[in-house]
Amino acid sequence: MPTETEAKAEEKPAEQMFYHVEAGLPGLVSFFMGKNLTLTDVLHNYVCPFLNKEVILLDNEIINMPYIGSMQVYKTKQKVDSDWPIKKDEFVAEYRKKHKCNAYNFEYINALDKKIKEVSEDVTAEMCKEAVEMIHSGKYVAIQMQLKRL
């Protein structure tokens, strides 16, 4: 049985949404763990494991979810890429003009992450509710078991 958010997504197939997951390390920094994700990816690979305090394998990295202090999920109608929400070429050209160097990558990532937060909808509470429902109903465990059999 689909969760409430999955059912809503099935009702409106015309518009694709993109989800972006930001993680925060206590006392240190926050960063986007994933961008341009599907609803299923966010629930199964990020929010449920975070709530369950699991150690997971994600994109060939072992991630210890209990050490992540916070997680936020954002939703956009448009895919984040080098043209949106910030045009990377324009950012780099302006940075080089201003600073006379090529060390723009860190500044670009910070500006991009800040802009994503500005132009997106924060759906953290909704995702948390859906993940809790999946965990308590047993659906999350059932999906994990199916994946282990593959």
N, C-alpha and C. Protein backbone atom coordinates (compact mmCIF):
# COMPACT_ATOMS: atom_id res chain seq x y z
N MET A 1 0.84 -1.18 0.00
CA MET A 1 0.00 0.00 0.00
C MET A 1 0.89 1.25 0.00
N PRO A 2 0.67 2.16 -0.95
CA PRO A 2 1.52 3.35 -1.02
C PRO A 2 1.29 4.29 0.16
N THR A 3 2.36 5.02 0.51
CA THR A 3 2.22 6.03 1.57
C THR A 3 1.43 7.20 1.01
N GLU A 4 1.05 8.12 1.87
CA GLU A 4 0.25 9.28 1.46
C GLU A 4 0.95 10.10 0.38
N THR A 5 2.24 10.36 0.55
CA THR A 5 2.98 11.16 -0.43
C THR A 5 3.13 10.41 -1.74
N GLU A 6 3.41 9.10 -1.67
CA GLU A 6 3.53 8.30 -2.89
C GLU A 6 2.21 8.26 -3.64
N ALA A 7 1.09 8.15 -2.92
CA ALA A 7 -0.23 8.14 -3.55
C ALA A 7 -0.50 9.47 -4.25
N LYS A 8 -0.14 10.58 -3.60
CA LYS A 8 -0.32 11.90 -4.22
C LYS A 8 0.54 12.02 -5.47
N ALA A 9 1.75 11.49 -5.43
CA ALA A 9 2.64 11.55 -6.58
C ALA A 9 2.06 10.75 -7.74
N GLU A 10 1.42 9.62 -7.44
CA GLU A 10 0.81 8.80 -8.48
C GLU A 10 -0.42 9.49 -9.08
N GLU A 11 -1.12 10.30 -8.30
CA GLU A 11 -2.30 11.01 -8.79
C GLU A 11 -1.93 12.08 -9.81
N LYS A 12 -0.75 12.70 -9.65
CA LYS A 12 -0.33 13.79 -10.52
C LYS A 12 0.96 13.42 -11.26
N PRO A 13 0.88 12.53 -12.25
CA PRO A 13 2.11 12.11 -12.93
C PRO A 13 2.67 13.14 -13.90
N ALA A 14 1.92 14.20 -14.19
CA ALA A 14 2.33 15.17 -15.19
C ALA A 14 3.57 15.98 -14.78
N GLU A 15 3.72 16.25 -13.50
CA GLU A 15 4.80 17.13 -13.06
C GLU A 15 5.84 16.36 -12.26
N GLN A 16 7.06 16.32 -12.76
CA GLN A 16 8.14 15.64 -12.06
C GLN A 16 8.77 16.61 -11.06
N MET A 17 9.01 16.11 -9.87
CA MET A 17 9.64 16.92 -8.84
C MET A 17 11.05 16.38 -8.58
N PHE A 18 11.91 17.27 -8.15
CA PHE A 18 13.29 16.90 -7.82
C PHE A 18 13.52 17.20 -6.35
N TYR A 19 14.13 16.26 -5.66
CA TYR A 19 14.35 16.38 -4.22
C TYR A 19 15.84 16.50 -3.95
N HIS A 20 16.16 17.27 -2.91
CA HIS A 20 17.55 17.54 -2.55
C HIS A 20 17.69 17.37 -1.04
N VAL A 21 18.67 16.58 -0.62
CA VAL A 21 18.84 16.24 0.79
C VAL A 21 20.07 16.94 1.35
N GLU A 22 19.84 17.72 2.40
CA GLU A 22 20.94 18.42 3.09
C GLU A 22 21.16 17.76 4.44
N ALA A 23 22.41 17.45 4.73
CA ALA A 23 22.78 16.86 6.02
C ALA A 23 23.59 17.85 6.82
N GLY A 24 23.43 17.80 8.13
CA GLY A 24 24.20 18.67 9.01
C GLY A 24 24.99 17.84 10.00
N LEU A 25 26.27 18.15 10.12
CA LEU A 25 27.11 17.50 11.11
C LEU A 25 27.17 18.41 12.33
N PRO A 26 26.87 17.88 13.51
CA PRO A 26 26.78 18.72 14.71
C PRO A 26 28.03 19.58 14.94
N GLY A 27 27.83 20.87 15.05
CA GLY A 27 28.92 21.80 15.34
C GLY A 27 29.87 22.06 14.20
N LEU A 28 29.62 21.48 13.03
CA LEU A 28 30.57 21.64 11.94
C LEU A 28 29.95 22.35 10.74
N VAL A 29 29.32 21.62 9.87
CA VAL A 29 28.89 22.14 8.58
C VAL A 29 27.64 21.41 8.11
N SER A 30 26.95 22.02 7.17
CA SER A 30 25.88 21.32 6.48
C SER A 30 26.25 21.25 5.01
N PHE A 31 25.77 20.22 4.35
CA PHE A 31 26.10 20.00 2.94
C PHE A 31 25.00 19.17 2.30
N PHE A 32 24.87 19.29 0.98
CA PHE A 32 23.88 18.49 0.26
C PHE A 32 24.47 17.12 -0.04
N MET A 33 23.83 16.10 0.52
CA MET A 33 24.25 14.71 0.29
C MET A 33 23.78 14.24 -1.08
N GLY A 34 22.65 14.75 -1.50
CA GLY A 34 22.09 14.33 -2.78
C GLY A 34 21.23 15.42 -3.39
N LYS A 35 21.32 15.54 -4.70
CA LYS A 35 20.51 16.51 -5.44
C LYS A 35 19.82 15.79 -6.58
N ASN A 36 18.68 16.33 -6.99
CA ASN A 36 17.92 15.79 -8.12
C ASN A 36 17.50 14.33 -7.90
N LEU A 37 17.03 14.06 -6.71
CA LEU A 37 16.61 12.71 -6.34
C LEU A 37 15.11 12.53 -6.56
N THR A 38 14.69 11.28 -6.65
CA THR A 38 13.26 10.98 -6.71
C THR A 38 12.72 10.86 -5.29
N LEU A 39 11.42 10.90 -5.17
CA LEU A 39 10.76 10.72 -3.87
C LEU A 39 11.17 9.39 -3.25
N THR A 40 11.17 8.34 -4.05
CA THR A 40 11.55 7.01 -3.56
C THR A 40 12.98 7.00 -3.05
N ASP A 41 13.90 7.61 -3.80
CA ASP A 41 15.30 7.69 -3.36
C ASP A 41 15.42 8.37 -2.01
N VAL A 42 14.73 9.48 -1.86
CA VAL A 42 14.82 10.25 -0.61
C VAL A 42 14.33 9.41 0.56
N LEU A 43 13.19 8.78 0.41
CA LEU A 43 12.62 7.99 1.52
C LEU A 43 13.47 6.76 1.83
N HIS A 44 13.83 6.00 0.81
CA HIS A 44 14.51 4.71 1.02
C HIS A 44 15.99 4.83 1.33
N ASN A 45 16.64 5.83 0.73
CA ASN A 45 18.10 5.92 0.86
C ASN A 45 18.60 6.98 1.82
N TYR A 46 17.71 7.86 2.27
CA TYR A 46 18.15 8.95 3.14
C TYR A 46 17.33 9.04 4.42
N VAL A 47 16.04 9.34 4.29
CA VAL A 47 15.25 9.66 5.48
C VAL A 47 15.01 8.43 6.36
N CYS A 48 14.58 7.32 5.79
CA CYS A 48 14.37 6.12 6.61
C CYS A 48 15.67 5.65 7.28
N PRO A 49 16.78 5.54 6.55
CA PRO A 49 18.03 5.16 7.21
C PRO A 49 18.48 6.15 8.28
N PHE A 50 18.24 7.44 8.05
CA PHE A 50 18.58 8.46 9.04
C PHE A 50 17.76 8.25 10.31
N LEU A 51 16.46 8.07 10.18
CA LEU A 51 15.60 7.87 11.35
C LEU A 51 15.91 6.56 12.07
N ASN A 52 16.31 5.54 11.31
CA ASN A 52 16.65 4.23 11.88
C ASN A 52 18.09 4.16 12.40
N LYS A 53 18.86 5.22 12.20
CA LYS A 53 20.26 5.27 12.62
C LYS A 53 21.07 4.10 12.05
N GLU A 54 20.97 3.94 10.75
CA GLU A 54 21.64 2.84 10.06
C GLU A 54 23.00 3.23 9.50
N VAL A 55 23.82 2.25 9.26
CA VAL A 55 25.04 2.42 8.48
C VAL A 55 24.68 1.88 7.10
N ILE A 56 24.85 2.73 6.08
CA ILE A 56 24.39 2.35 4.74
C ILE A 56 25.51 2.47 3.71
N LEU A 57 25.32 1.82 2.58
CA LEU A 57 26.20 1.97 1.44
C LEU A 57 25.44 2.80 0.42
N LEU A 58 25.97 3.97 0.08
CA LEU A 58 25.30 4.88 -0.84
C LEU A 58 26.34 5.42 -1.81
N ASP A 59 26.14 5.16 -3.09
CA ASP A 59 27.07 5.62 -4.13
C ASP A 59 28.51 5.20 -3.82
N ASN A 60 28.68 3.94 -3.43
CA ASN A 60 29.99 3.36 -3.13
C ASN A 60 30.69 4.01 -1.94
N GLU A 61 29.93 4.62 -1.05
CA GLU A 61 30.46 5.17 0.19
C GLU A 61 29.69 4.57 1.35
N ILE A 62 30.40 4.20 2.41
CA ILE A 62 29.74 3.76 3.63
C ILE A 62 29.44 5.00 4.46
N ILE A 63 28.17 5.19 4.77
CA ILE A 63 27.75 6.38 5.51
C ILE A 63 27.15 5.95 6.84
N ASN A 64 27.69 6.52 7.91
CA ASN A 64 27.22 6.22 9.26
C ASN A 64 26.16 7.26 9.62
N MET A 65 24.90 6.93 9.34
CA MET A 65 23.81 7.88 9.54
C MET A 65 23.68 8.38 10.98
N PRO A 66 24.01 7.59 12.02
CA PRO A 66 23.88 8.13 13.38
C PRO A 66 24.76 9.36 13.65
N TYR A 67 25.81 9.56 12.86
CA TYR A 67 26.69 10.71 13.08
C TYR A 67 26.20 11.97 12.38
N ILE A 68 25.18 11.83 11.56
CA ILE A 68 24.58 13.01 10.95
C ILE A 68 23.61 13.58 11.96
N GLY A 69 23.78 14.86 12.28
CA GLY A 69 22.97 15.47 13.33
C GLY A 69 21.61 15.95 12.87
N SER A 70 21.51 16.36 11.62
CA SER A 70 20.23 16.86 11.11
C SER A 70 20.12 16.57 9.63
N MET A 71 18.89 16.58 9.16
CA MET A 71 18.64 16.35 7.74
C MET A 71 17.45 17.20 7.32
N GLN A 72 17.58 17.86 6.17
CA GLN A 72 16.48 18.61 5.60
C GLN A 72 16.29 18.16 4.16
N VAL A 73 15.02 18.18 3.73
CA VAL A 73 14.70 17.78 2.37
C VAL A 73 14.00 18.95 1.68
N TYR A 74 14.48 19.27 0.49
CA TYR A 74 13.92 20.35 -0.31
C TYR A 74 13.38 19.78 -1.62
N LYS A 75 12.40 20.48 -2.17
CA LYS A 75 11.77 20.03 -3.41
C LYS A 75 11.73 21.18 -4.41
N THR A 76 12.10 20.88 -5.66
CA THR A 76 12.01 21.87 -6.74
C THR A 76 11.30 21.24 -7.93
N LYS A 77 10.75 22.10 -8.76
CA LYS A 77 10.10 21.64 -10.00
C LYS A 77 11.12 21.49 -11.12
N GLN A 78 12.27 22.10 -10.93
CA GLN A 78 13.31 22.11 -11.95
C GLN A 78 14.54 21.38 -11.44
N LYS A 79 15.22 20.70 -12.33
CA LYS A 79 16.44 19.98 -11.99
C LYS A 79 17.58 20.96 -11.76
N VAL A 80 18.35 20.73 -10.70
CA VAL A 80 19.53 21.54 -10.42
C VAL A 80 20.65 21.09 -11.37
N ASP A 81 21.19 22.04 -12.10
CA ASP A 81 22.31 21.73 -12.99
C ASP A 81 23.17 22.98 -13.16
N SER A 82 24.06 22.99 -14.12
CA SER A 82 24.99 24.12 -14.26
C SER A 82 24.31 25.39 -14.79
N ASP A 83 23.04 25.29 -15.20
CA ASP A 83 22.31 26.47 -15.67
C ASP A 83 21.24 26.95 -14.69
N TRP A 84 20.89 26.13 -13.69
CA TRP A 84 19.83 26.52 -12.76
C TRP A 84 20.09 25.92 -11.40
N PRO A 85 19.90 26.61 -10.32
CA PRO A 85 19.37 27.96 -10.17
C PRO A 85 20.42 29.06 -10.33
N ILE A 86 21.68 28.68 -10.49
CA ILE A 86 22.75 29.65 -10.76
C ILE A 86 23.45 29.21 -12.03
N LYS A 87 23.68 30.13 -12.92
CA LYS A 87 24.43 29.81 -14.13
C LYS A 87 25.92 29.74 -13.76
N LYS A 88 26.46 28.54 -13.83
CA LYS A 88 27.84 28.33 -13.38
C LYS A 88 28.83 29.16 -14.20
N ASP A 89 28.66 29.21 -15.51
CA ASP A 89 29.60 29.96 -16.36
C ASP A 89 29.65 31.43 -15.96
N GLU A 90 28.47 32.01 -15.70
CA GLU A 90 28.43 33.42 -15.29
C GLU A 90 29.06 33.62 -13.91
N PHE A 91 28.80 32.68 -12.99
CA PHE A 91 29.37 32.77 -11.65
C PHE A 91 30.89 32.71 -11.72
N VAL A 92 31.42 31.76 -12.50
CA VAL A 92 32.87 31.58 -12.62
C VAL A 92 33.51 32.82 -13.25
N ALA A 93 32.89 33.34 -14.30
CA ALA A 93 33.45 34.53 -14.96
C ALA A 93 33.50 35.71 -13.99
N GLU A 94 32.43 35.92 -13.24
CA GLU A 94 32.38 37.02 -12.27
C GLU A 94 33.41 36.80 -11.16
N TYR A 95 33.54 35.57 -10.70
CA TYR A 95 34.50 35.26 -9.64
C TYR A 95 35.92 35.53 -10.11
N ARG A 96 36.25 35.07 -11.31
CA ARG A 96 37.60 35.29 -11.84
C ARG A 96 37.91 36.77 -12.01
N LYS A 97 36.91 37.53 -12.43
CA LYS A 97 37.09 38.97 -12.59
C LYS A 97 37.39 39.62 -11.25
N LYS A 98 36.64 39.23 -10.24
CA LYS A 98 36.73 39.84 -8.92
C LYS A 98 38.00 39.40 -8.17
N HIS A 99 38.35 38.13 -8.28
CA HIS A 99 39.43 37.57 -7.45
C HIS A 99 40.71 37.25 -8.22
N LYS A 100 40.69 37.35 -9.52
CA LYS A 100 41.89 37.11 -10.35
C LYS A 100 42.52 35.73 -10.10
N CYS A 101 41.65 34.73 -9.87
CA CYS A 101 42.15 33.37 -9.69
C CYS A 101 41.07 32.38 -10.09
N ASN A 102 41.42 31.09 -10.07
CA ASN A 102 40.48 30.03 -10.47
C ASN A 102 39.95 29.21 -9.30
N ALA A 103 40.11 29.68 -8.09
CA ALA A 103 39.69 28.93 -6.91
C ALA A 103 38.20 29.17 -6.59
N TYR A 104 37.36 28.98 -7.58
CA TYR A 104 35.95 29.32 -7.46
C TYR A 104 35.07 28.16 -6.98
N ASN A 105 35.53 26.94 -7.03
CA ASN A 105 34.66 25.78 -6.80
C ASN A 105 33.96 25.81 -5.45
N PHE A 106 34.69 26.07 -4.38
CA PHE A 106 34.10 26.11 -3.04
C PHE A 106 33.05 27.21 -2.96
N GLU A 107 33.37 28.39 -3.48
CA GLU A 107 32.42 29.51 -3.46
C GLU A 107 31.19 29.21 -4.30
N TYR A 108 31.39 28.54 -5.44
CA TYR A 108 30.26 28.19 -6.31
C TYR A 108 29.32 27.21 -5.59
N ILE A 109 29.89 26.20 -4.97
CA ILE A 109 29.07 25.21 -4.26
C ILE A 109 28.29 25.88 -3.13
N ASN A 110 28.92 26.76 -2.38
CA ASN A 110 28.22 27.48 -1.31
C ASN A 110 27.08 28.34 -1.85
N ALA A 111 27.35 29.05 -2.94
CA ALA A 111 26.32 29.91 -3.54
C ALA A 111 25.18 29.07 -4.10
N LEU A 112 25.51 27.95 -4.72
CA LEU A 112 24.49 27.05 -5.28
C LEU A 112 23.62 26.48 -4.17
N ASP A 113 24.24 25.99 -3.11
CA ASP A 113 23.48 25.42 -2.00
C ASP A 113 22.55 26.46 -1.37
N LYS A 114 23.04 27.68 -1.20
CA LYS A 114 22.22 28.75 -0.64
C LYS A 114 21.03 29.06 -1.56
N LYS A 115 21.29 29.10 -2.86
CA LYS A 115 20.24 29.40 -3.83
C LYS A 115 19.19 28.28 -3.88
N ILE A 116 19.62 27.04 -3.76
CA ILE A 116 18.67 25.91 -3.74
C ILE A 116 17.68 26.11 -2.61
N LYS A 117 18.18 26.48 -1.45
CA LYS A 117 17.30 26.71 -0.29
C LYS A 117 16.32 27.85 -0.56
N GLU A 118 16.76 28.88 -1.27
CA GLU A 118 15.91 30.03 -1.56
C GLU A 118 14.78 29.71 -2.53
N VAL A 119 15.07 28.88 -3.53
CA VAL A 119 14.09 28.64 -4.61
C VAL A 119 13.27 27.37 -4.43
N SER A 120 13.53 26.63 -3.38
CA SER A 120 12.83 25.35 -3.21
C SER A 120 11.84 25.40 -2.06
N GLU A 121 11.08 24.33 -1.97
CA GLU A 121 10.13 24.16 -0.88
C GLU A 121 10.72 23.18 0.12
N ASP A 122 10.74 23.54 1.38
CA ASP A 122 11.23 22.65 2.43
C ASP A 122 10.13 21.63 2.74
N VAL A 123 10.40 20.36 2.45
CA VAL A 123 9.41 19.30 2.66
C VAL A 123 9.90 18.30 3.71
N THR A 124 10.76 18.77 4.60
CA THR A 124 11.34 17.90 5.62
C THR A 124 10.27 17.24 6.48
N ALA A 125 9.33 18.01 6.98
CA ALA A 125 8.30 17.46 7.87
C ALA A 125 7.47 16.40 7.14
N GLU A 126 7.11 16.68 5.91
CA GLU A 126 6.33 15.74 5.10
C GLU A 126 7.11 14.44 4.88
N MET A 127 8.40 14.55 4.56
CA MET A 127 9.23 13.36 4.33
C MET A 127 9.42 12.55 5.62
N CYS A 128 9.57 13.25 6.73
CA CYS A 128 9.72 12.58 8.02
C CYS A 128 8.45 11.78 8.34
N LYS A 129 7.31 12.40 8.13
CA LYS A 129 6.03 11.73 8.39
C LYS A 129 5.90 10.48 7.52
N GLU A 130 6.23 10.60 6.24
CA GLU A 130 6.14 9.45 5.33
C GLU A 130 7.11 8.34 5.73
N ALA A 131 8.32 8.72 6.11
CA ALA A 131 9.31 7.72 6.50
C ALA A 131 8.88 7.00 7.77
N VAL A 132 8.37 7.73 8.75
CA VAL A 132 7.89 7.11 9.99
C VAL A 132 6.77 6.13 9.67
N GLU A 133 5.87 6.53 8.78
CA GLU A 133 4.77 5.64 8.37
C GLU A 133 5.31 4.37 7.72
N MET A 134 6.31 4.52 6.84
CA MET A 134 6.91 3.36 6.17
C MET A 134 7.58 2.43 7.18
N ILE A 135 8.29 3.01 8.13
CA ILE A 135 9.00 2.21 9.13
C ILE A 135 8.02 1.47 10.02
N HIS A 136 7.02 2.17 10.54
CA HIS A 136 6.06 1.56 11.47
C HIS A 136 5.15 0.54 10.80
N SER A 137 4.87 0.73 9.51
CA SER A 137 4.00 -0.21 8.80
C SER A 137 4.75 -1.47 8.38
N GLY A 138 6.08 -1.43 8.42
CA GLY A 138 6.88 -2.57 7.97
C GLY A 138 7.24 -2.49 6.50
N LYS A 139 6.72 -1.50 5.79
CA LYS A 139 6.99 -1.38 4.36
C LYS A 139 8.47 -1.16 4.08
N TYR A 140 9.12 -0.35 4.91
CA TYR A 140 10.54 -0.07 4.70
C TYR A 140 11.37 -1.35 4.84
N VAL A 141 11.11 -2.13 5.87
CA VAL A 141 11.85 -3.38 6.09
C VAL A 141 11.59 -4.34 4.93
N ALA A 142 10.36 -4.42 4.47
CA ALA A 142 10.02 -5.30 3.35
C ALA A 142 10.80 -4.91 2.10
N ILE A 143 10.90 -3.63 1.84
CA ILE A 143 11.65 -3.16 0.67
C ILE A 143 13.13 -3.50 0.82
N GLN A 144 13.68 -3.29 2.02
CA GLN A 144 15.10 -3.61 2.27
C GLN A 144 15.36 -5.10 2.06
N MET A 145 14.44 -5.94 2.48
CA MET A 145 14.59 -7.39 2.32
C MET A 145 14.57 -7.77 0.85
N GLN A 146 13.70 -7.16 0.06
CA GLN A 146 13.65 -7.42 -1.36
C GLN A 146 14.94 -7.01 -2.03
N LEU A 147 15.50 -5.88 -1.64
CA LEU A 147 16.75 -5.40 -2.22
C LEU A 147 17.91 -6.34 -1.90
N LYS A 148 17.91 -6.92 -0.71
CA LYS A 148 18.98 -7.83 -0.30
C LYS A 148 18.95 -9.12 -1.13
N ARG A 149 17.78 -9.49 -1.62
CA ARG A 149 17.64 -10.71 -2.41
C ARG A 149 18.14 -10.53 -3.83
N LEU A 150 18.24 -9.31 -4.29
CA LEU A 150 18.66 -9.05 -5.68
C LEU A 150 20.12 -9.32 -5.89
